[in-house]
PDB file of N, CA and C in Angstrom:
ATOM      1  N   UNK A   1     -97.736 -34.058  16.385  1.00  0.00           N
ATOM      2  CA  UNK A   1     -97.820 -34.128  15.037  1.00  0.00           C
ATOM      3  C   UNK A   1     -97.144 -32.926  14.525  1.00  0.00           C
ATOM      4  N   UNK A   2     -96.647 -33.723  13.398  1.00  0.00           N
ATOM      5  CA  UNK A   2     -95.792 -32.381  12.460  1.00  0.00           C
ATOM      6  C   UNK A   2     -96.722 -31.651  11.730  1.00  0.00           C
ATOM      7  N   UNK A   3     -96.414 -29.971  11.737  1.00  0.00           N
ATOM      8  CA  UNK A   3     -97.440 -28.993  10.751  1.00  0.00           C
ATOM      9  C   UNK A   3     -96.435 -28.854  10.052  1.00  0.00           C
ATOM     10  N   UNK A   4     -96.876 -29.158   8.437  1.00  0.00           N
ATOM     11  CA  UNK A   4     -96.330 -29.001   7.237  1.00  0.00           C
ATOM     12  C   UNK A   4     -96.135 -27.413   7.043  1.00  0.00           C
ATOM     13  N   UNK A   5     -96.750 -26.641   7.703  1.00  0.00           N
ATOM     14  CA  UNK A   5     -96.558 -25.218   7.255  1.00  0.00           C
ATOM     15  C   UNK A   5     -95.585 -24.682   8.423  1.00  0.00           C
ATOM     16  N   UNK A   6     -95.025 -25.221   9.266  1.00  0.00           N
ATOM     17  CA  UNK A   6     -94.244 -24.658  10.334  1.00  0.00           C
ATOM     18  C   UNK A   6     -92.989 -24.378   9.914  1.00  0.00           C
ATOM     19  N   UNK A   7     -92.649 -23.081  10.228  1.00  0.00           N
ATOM     20  CA  UNK A   7     -91.133 -22.881   9.194  1.00  0.00           C
ATOM     21  C   UNK A   7     -89.928 -23.531   9.774  1.00  0.00           C
ATOM     22  N   UNK A   8     -90.003 -24.085  10.623  1.00  0.00           N
ATOM     23  CA  UNK A   8     -88.567 -25.183  11.136  1.00  0.00           C
ATOM     24  C   UNK A   8     -88.964 -26.329  10.076  1.00  0.00           C
ATOM     25  N   UNK A   9     -89.800 -26.835  10.218  1.00  0.00           N
ATOM     26  CA  UNK A   9     -90.075 -28.029   9.022  1.00  0.00           C
ATOM     27  C   UNK A   9     -90.006 -27.906   7.644  1.00  0.00           C
ATOM     28  N   UNK A  10     -90.200 -26.741   7.364  1.00  0.00           N
ATOM     29  CA  UNK A  10     -89.999 -25.798   5.902  1.00  0.00           C
ATOM     30  C   UNK A  10     -88.640 -25.978   5.732  1.00  0.00           C
ATOM     31  N   UNK A  11     -87.647 -25.304   6.691  1.00  0.00           N
ATOM     32  CA  UNK A  11     -86.242 -25.222   6.563  1.00  0.00           C
ATOM     33  C   UNK A  11     -85.738 -26.669   6.658  1.00  0.00           C
ATOM     34  N   UNK A  12     -86.176 -27.551   7.193  1.00  0.00           N
ATOM     35  CA  UNK A  12     -85.532 -28.867   7.366  1.00  0.00           C
ATOM     36  C   UNK A  12     -85.646 -29.339   6.010  1.00  0.00           C
ATOM     37  N   UNK A  13     -86.890 -29.402   5.323  1.00  0.00           N
ATOM     38  CA  UNK A  13     -87.201 -29.886   4.218  1.00  0.00           C
ATOM     39  C   UNK A  13     -86.162 -29.411   2.894  1.00  0.00           C
ATOM     40  N   UNK A  14     -86.227 -27.933   3.156  1.00  0.00           N
ATOM     41  CA  UNK A  14     -85.356 -27.405   2.197  1.00  0.00           C
ATOM     42  C   UNK A  14     -83.766 -28.237   2.360  1.00  0.00           C
ATOM     43  N   UNK A  15     -83.285 -28.004   3.623  1.00  0.00           N
ATOM     44  CA  UNK A  15     -81.877 -28.587   3.995  1.00  0.00           C
ATOM     45  C   UNK A  15     -81.921 -29.725   3.388  1.00  0.00           C
ATOM     46  N   UNK A  16     -82.747 -30.578   3.445  1.00  0.00           N
ATOM     47  CA  UNK A  16     -82.791 -32.007   2.895  1.00  0.00           C
ATOM     48  C   UNK A  16     -82.802 -31.794   1.352  1.00  0.00           C
ATOM     49  N   UNK A  17     -83.131 -31.108   0.709  1.00  0.00           N
ATOM     50  CA  UNK A  17     -83.365 -31.041  -0.780  1.00  0.00           C
ATOM     51  C   UNK A  17     -82.026 -30.558  -1.541  1.00  0.00           C
ATOM     52  N   UNK A  18     -81.046 -29.990  -0.230  1.00  0.00           N
ATOM     53  CA  UNK A  18     -79.499 -29.424  -0.974  1.00  0.00           C
ATOM     54  C   UNK A  18     -78.821 -30.548  -1.027  1.00  0.00           C
ATOM     55  N   UNK A  19     -78.004 -30.477  -2.331  1.00  0.00           N
ATOM     56  CA  UNK A  19     -76.804 -31.182  -2.764  1.00  0.00           C
ATOM     57  C   UNK A  19     -76.139 -31.833  -1.379  1.00  0.00           C
ATOM     58  N   UNK A  20     -75.793 -32.970  -1.121  1.00  0.00           N
ATOM     59  CA  UNK A  20     -74.891 -33.384  -0.100  1.00  0.00           C
ATOM     60  C   UNK A  20     -73.674 -34.074  -0.575  1.00  0.00           C
ATOM     61  N   UNK A  21     -72.926 -33.733  -1.820  1.00  0.00           N
ATOM     62  CA  UNK A  21     -71.788 -34.109  -2.139  1.00  0.00           C
ATOM     63  C   UNK A  21     -70.809 -32.870  -2.143  1.00  0.00           C
ATOM     64  N   UNK A  22     -69.744 -33.212  -1.525  1.00  0.00           N
ATOM     65  CA  UNK A  22     -68.767 -31.947  -1.537  1.00  0.00           C
ATOM     66  C   UNK A  22     -67.555 -32.829  -2.024  1.00  0.00           C
ATOM     67  N   UNK A  23     -67.151 -31.472  -2.911  1.00  0.00           N
ATOM     68  CA  UNK A  23     -65.956 -31.911  -4.002  1.00  0.00           C
ATOM     69  C   UNK A  23     -64.732 -31.273  -3.120  1.00  0.00           C
ATOM     70  N   UNK A  24     -63.891 -32.367  -3.097  1.00  0.00           N
ATOM     71  CA  UNK A  24     -62.682 -31.914  -2.225  1.00  0.00           C
ATOM     72  C   UNK A  24     -62.019 -31.218  -3.191  1.00  0.00           C
ATOM     73  N   UNK A  25     -61.029 -30.206  -2.698  1.00  0.00           N
ATOM     74  CA  UNK A  25     -60.228 -29.447  -3.577  1.00  0.00           C
ATOM     75  C   UNK A  25     -58.887 -28.799  -2.856  1.00  0.00           C
ATOM     76  N   UNK A  26     -57.727 -28.963  -3.469  1.00  0.00           N
ATOM     77  CA  UNK A  26     -56.702 -28.635  -2.550  1.00  0.00           C
ATOM     78  C   UNK A  26     -56.438 -27.054  -2.300  1.00  0.00           C
ATOM     79  N   UNK A  27     -57.290 -26.193  -2.940  1.00  0.00           N
ATOM     80  CA  UNK A  27     -57.190 -24.969  -2.843  1.00  0.00           C
ATOM     81  C   UNK A  27     -57.755 -24.436  -1.951  1.00  0.00           C
ATOM     82  N   UNK A  28     -58.678 -25.392  -0.832  1.00  0.00           N
ATOM     83  CA  UNK A  28     -59.369 -24.689   0.089  1.00  0.00           C
ATOM     84  C   UNK A  28     -58.500 -24.442   1.091  1.00  0.00           C
ATOM     85  N   UNK A  29     -57.575 -24.901   1.624  1.00  0.00           N
ATOM     86  CA  UNK A  29     -56.590 -24.256   2.502  1.00  0.00           C
ATOM     87  C   UNK A  29     -55.319 -23.316   2.085  1.00  0.00           C
ATOM     88  N   UNK A  30     -55.543 -22.787   0.625  1.00  0.00           N
ATOM     89  CA  UNK A  30     -54.566 -22.105   0.466  1.00  0.00           C
ATOM     90  C   UNK A  30     -54.937 -20.190   1.034  1.00  0.00           C
ATOM     91  N   UNK A  31     -53.645 -20.251   1.561  1.00  0.00           N
ATOM     92  CA  UNK A  31     -53.661 -18.856   2.394  1.00  0.00           C
ATOM     93  C   UNK A  31     -54.358 -17.721   1.574  1.00  0.00           C
ATOM     94  N   UNK A  32     -54.236 -17.679   0.132  1.00  0.00           N
ATOM     95  CA  UNK A  32     -54.791 -16.387  -0.307  1.00  0.00           C
ATOM     96  C   UNK A  32     -56.333 -16.893  -0.666  1.00  0.00           C
ATOM     97  N   UNK A  33     -56.695 -17.866  -0.850  1.00  0.00           N
ATOM     98  CA  UNK A  33     -58.443 -17.971  -1.155  1.00  0.00           C
ATOM     99  C   UNK A  33     -58.915 -17.812   0.423  1.00  0.00           C
ATOM    100  N   UNK A  34     -58.227 -18.419   1.632  1.00  0.00           N
ATOM    101  CA  UNK A  34     -58.466 -18.063   2.920  1.00  0.00           C
ATOM    102  C   UNK A  34     -58.729 -16.746   3.049  1.00  0.00           C
ATOM    103  N   UNK A  35     -57.803 -15.835   2.780  1.00  0.00           N
ATOM    104  CA  UNK A  35     -57.687 -14.384   2.830  1.00  0.00           C
ATOM    105  C   UNK A  35     -59.029 -13.813   2.072  1.00  0.00           C
ATOM    106  N   UNK A  36     -58.928 -14.214   0.886  1.00  0.00           N
ATOM    107  CA  UNK A  36     -60.449 -13.630   0.265  1.00  0.00           C
ATOM    108  C   UNK A  36     -61.760 -14.042   0.850  1.00  0.00           C
ATOM    109  N   UNK A  37     -61.654 -15.044   1.314  1.00  0.00           N
ATOM    110  CA  UNK A  37     -63.058 -15.360   2.078  1.00  0.00           C
ATOM    111  C   UNK A  37     -63.257 -14.703   3.561  1.00  0.00           C
ATOM    112  N   UNK A  38     -62.052 -14.257   3.936  1.00  0.00           N
ATOM    113  CA  UNK A  38     -62.180 -13.428   5.311  1.00  0.00           C
ATOM    114  C   UNK A  38     -62.482 -12.016   4.619  1.00  0.00           C
ATOM    115  N   UNK A  39     -61.938 -11.574   3.623  1.00  0.00           N
ATOM    116  CA  UNK A  39     -62.062 -10.217   3.449  1.00  0.00           C
ATOM    117  C   UNK A  39     -63.547 -10.285   2.727  1.00  0.00           C
ATOM    118  N   UNK A  40     -64.291 -10.649   2.201  1.00  0.00           N
ATOM    119  CA  UNK A  40     -65.368 -11.103   1.888  1.00  0.00           C
ATOM    120  C   UNK A  40     -66.324 -10.910   2.942  1.00  0.00           C
ATOM    121  N   UNK A  41     -66.153 -11.586   3.883  1.00  0.00           N
ATOM    122  CA  UNK A  41     -66.999 -11.799   4.991  1.00  0.00           C
ATOM    123  C   UNK A  41     -66.826 -10.684   5.710  1.00  0.00           C
ATOM    124  N   UNK A  42     -65.821 -10.089   6.146  1.00  0.00           N
ATOM    125  CA  UNK A  42     -65.641  -8.591   6.902  1.00  0.00           C
ATOM    126  C   UNK A  42     -66.166  -7.710   6.260  1.00  0.00           C
ATOM    127  N   UNK A  43     -66.093  -7.582   4.800  1.00  0.00           N
ATOM    128  CA  UNK A  43     -66.824  -6.629   4.006  1.00  0.00           C
ATOM    129  C   UNK A  43     -68.465  -6.874   4.018  1.00  0.00           C
ATOM    130  N   UNK A  44     -68.853  -8.021   4.164  1.00  0.00           N
ATOM    131  CA  UNK A  44     -70.272  -8.080   4.698  1.00  0.00           C
ATOM    132  C   UNK A  44     -70.684  -7.439   6.222  1.00  0.00           C
ATOM    133  N   UNK A  45     -69.981  -7.996   7.070  1.00  0.00           N
ATOM    134  CA  UNK A  45     -70.194  -7.721   8.438  1.00  0.00           C
ATOM    135  C   UNK A  45     -69.939  -6.571   8.622  1.00  0.00           C
ATOM    136  N   UNK A  46     -69.480  -5.587   7.863  1.00  0.00           N
ATOM    137  CA  UNK A  46     -69.342  -3.988   7.985  1.00  0.00           C
ATOM    138  C   UNK A  46     -70.357  -3.201   7.121  1.00  0.00           C
ATOM    139  N   UNK A  47     -70.865  -4.172   6.551  1.00  0.00           N
ATOM    140  CA  UNK A  47     -71.994  -3.360   5.337  1.00  0.00           C
ATOM    141  C   UNK A  47     -71.851  -2.621   4.418  1.00  0.00           C
ATOM    142  N   UNK A  48     -70.384  -3.020   4.080  1.00  0.00           N
ATOM    143  CA  UNK A  48     -69.870  -2.679   2.503  1.00  0.00           C
ATOM    144  C   UNK A  48     -70.092  -2.862   1.209  1.00  0.00           C
ATOM    145  N   UNK A  49     -70.725  -4.323   1.470  1.00  0.00           N
ATOM    146  CA  UNK A  49     -71.160  -4.875   0.482  1.00  0.00           C
ATOM    147  C   UNK A  49     -72.530  -5.779   0.594  1.00  0.00           C
ATOM    148  N   UNK A  50     -73.340  -6.157  -0.354  1.00  0.00           N
ATOM    149  CA  UNK A  50     -74.444  -7.202   0.030  1.00  0.00           C
ATOM    150  C   UNK A  50     -73.855  -8.384  -0.177  1.00  0.00           C
ATOM    151  N   UNK A  51     -74.324  -9.682   0.492  1.00  0.00           N
ATOM    152  CA  UNK A  51     -73.800 -11.107   0.159  1.00  0.00           C
ATOM    153  C   UNK A  51     -73.584 -11.243  -1.507  1.00  0.00           C
ATOM    154  N   UNK A  52     -74.234 -11.181  -2.062  1.00  0.00           N
ATOM    155  CA  UNK A  52     -74.432 -10.957  -3.312  1.00  0.00           C
ATOM    156  C   UNK A  52     -73.343 -10.561  -4.491  1.00  0.00           C
ATOM    157  N   UNK A  53     -72.879  -9.543  -3.758  1.00  0.00           N
ATOM    158  CA  UNK A  53     -71.443  -8.640  -4.677  1.00  0.00           C
ATOM    159  C   UNK A  53     -70.345  -9.455  -3.860  1.00  0.00           C
ATOM    160  N   UNK A  54     -70.384  -9.775  -2.260  1.00  0.00           N
ATOM    161  CA  UNK A  54     -69.535 -10.201  -1.794  1.00  0.00           C
ATOM    162  C   UNK A  54     -68.890 -11.930  -2.704  1.00  0.00           C
ATOM    163  N   UNK A  55     -70.159 -12.267  -2.720  1.00  0.00           N
ATOM    164  CA  UNK A  55     -69.856 -13.578  -3.471  1.00  0.00           C
ATOM    165  C   UNK A  55     -69.118 -13.773  -4.877  1.00  0.00           C
ATOM    166  N   UNK A  56     -69.698 -12.714  -5.810  1.00  0.00           N
ATOM    167  CA  UNK A  56     -69.253 -12.415  -6.744  1.00  0.00           C
ATOM    168  C   UNK A  56     -67.944 -12.198  -6.694  1.00  0.00           C
ATOM    169  N   UNK A  57     -67.436 -11.198  -6.174  1.00  0.00           N
ATOM    170  CA  UNK A  57     -66.066 -10.872  -6.160  1.00  0.00           C
ATOM    171  C   UNK A  57     -65.363 -11.683  -5.501  1.00  0.00           C
ATOM    172  N   UNK A  58     -65.536 -12.792  -4.326  1.00  0.00           N
ATOM    173  CA  UNK A  58     -64.841 -13.449  -3.841  1.00  0.00           C
ATOM    174  C   UNK A  58     -64.538 -14.637  -5.005  1.00  0.00           C
ATOM    175  N   UNK A  59     -65.623 -14.994  -6.027  1.00  0.00           N
ATOM    176  CA  UNK A  59     -65.089 -15.697  -7.063  1.00  0.00           C
ATOM    177  C   UNK A  59     -64.328 -15.317  -8.248  1.00  0.00           C
ATOM    178  N   UNK A  60     -64.577 -14.142  -8.542  1.00  0.00           N
ATOM    179  CA  UNK A  60     -63.648 -13.456  -9.513  1.00  0.00           C
ATOM    180  C   UNK A  60     -62.140 -13.724  -8.700  1.00  0.00           C
ATOM    181  N   UNK A  61     -62.220 -13.072  -7.578  1.00  0.00           N
ATOM    182  CA  UNK A  61     -60.603 -13.179  -6.945  1.00  0.00           C
ATOM    183  C   UNK A  61     -60.034 -14.725  -7.256  1.00  0.00           C
ATOM    184  N   UNK A  62     -60.760 -15.623  -6.444  1.00  0.00           N
ATOM    185  CA  UNK A  62     -60.382 -16.875  -6.445  1.00  0.00           C
ATOM    186  C   UNK A  62     -60.155 -17.792  -8.010  1.00  0.00           C
ATOM    187  N   UNK A  63     -60.665 -17.433  -8.432  1.00  0.00           N
ATOM    188  CA  UNK A  63     -60.472 -17.744 -10.068  1.00  0.00           C
ATOM    189  C   UNK A  63     -59.124 -17.257 -10.707  1.00  0.00           C
ATOM    190  N   UNK A  64     -59.016 -15.985 -10.269  1.00  0.00           N
ATOM    191  CA  UNK A  64     -57.814 -15.369 -10.554  1.00  0.00           C
ATOM    192  C   UNK A  64     -56.832 -16.182 -10.001  1.00  0.00           C
ATOM    193  N   UNK A  65     -56.691 -16.669  -8.789  1.00  0.00           N
ATOM    194  CA  UNK A  65     -55.654 -16.928  -7.741  1.00  0.00           C
ATOM    195  C   UNK A  65     -55.440 -18.395  -8.173  1.00  0.00           C
ATOM    196  N   UNK A  66     -56.764 -19.109  -8.742  1.00  0.00           N
ATOM    197  CA  UNK A  66     -56.364 -20.719  -8.933  1.00  0.00           C
ATOM    198  C   UNK A  66     -55.757 -20.502 -10.824  1.00  0.00           C
ATOM    199  N   UNK A  67     -56.067 -19.661 -11.348  1.00  0.00           N
ATOM    200  CA  UNK A  67     -55.308 -19.488 -12.679  1.00  0.00           C
ATOM    201  C   UNK A  67     -53.804 -19.343 -12.661  1.00  0.00           C
ATOM    202  N   UNK A  68     -53.856 -18.323 -11.565  1.00  0.00           N
ATOM    203  CA  UNK A  68     -51.975 -18.108 -11.422  1.00  0.00           C
ATOM    204  C   UNK A  68     -51.331 -19.553 -10.569  1.00  0.00           C
ATOM    205  N   UNK A  69     -51.980 -20.015  -9.878  1.00  0.00           N
ATOM    206  CA  UNK A  69     -51.416 -21.343  -9.625  1.00  0.00           C
ATOM    207  C   UNK A  69     -51.022 -22.212 -10.311  1.00  0.00           C
ATOM    208  N   UNK A  70     -52.148 -22.292 -11.405  1.00  0.00           N
ATOM    209  CA  UNK A  70     -52.071 -23.507 -12.507  1.00  0.00           C
ATOM    210  C   UNK A  70     -51.287 -23.205 -13.690  1.00  0.00           C
ATOM    211  N   UNK A  71     -50.412 -22.075 -13.641  1.00  0.00           N
ATOM    212  CA  UNK A  71     -49.577 -21.783 -14.630  1.00  0.00           C
ATOM    213  C   UNK A  71     -48.582 -22.619 -14.741  1.00  0.00           C
TER     214      UNK A  71
END
């Protein structure tokens, strides 16, 4: 019997509620963006920034790169 209060069940239900559509973008493999992602991940791993800060900085830098690429 499945227990609705089981954290595993709650996690699975939460995962099912997330969007399942992924938008393809040609920028995902751009080396500058990959470098930004790596940098953000490493800064979090080393405790230099919180995840929210890393995400915000990644977004700012990525948007800057994309603006420059689209000129």
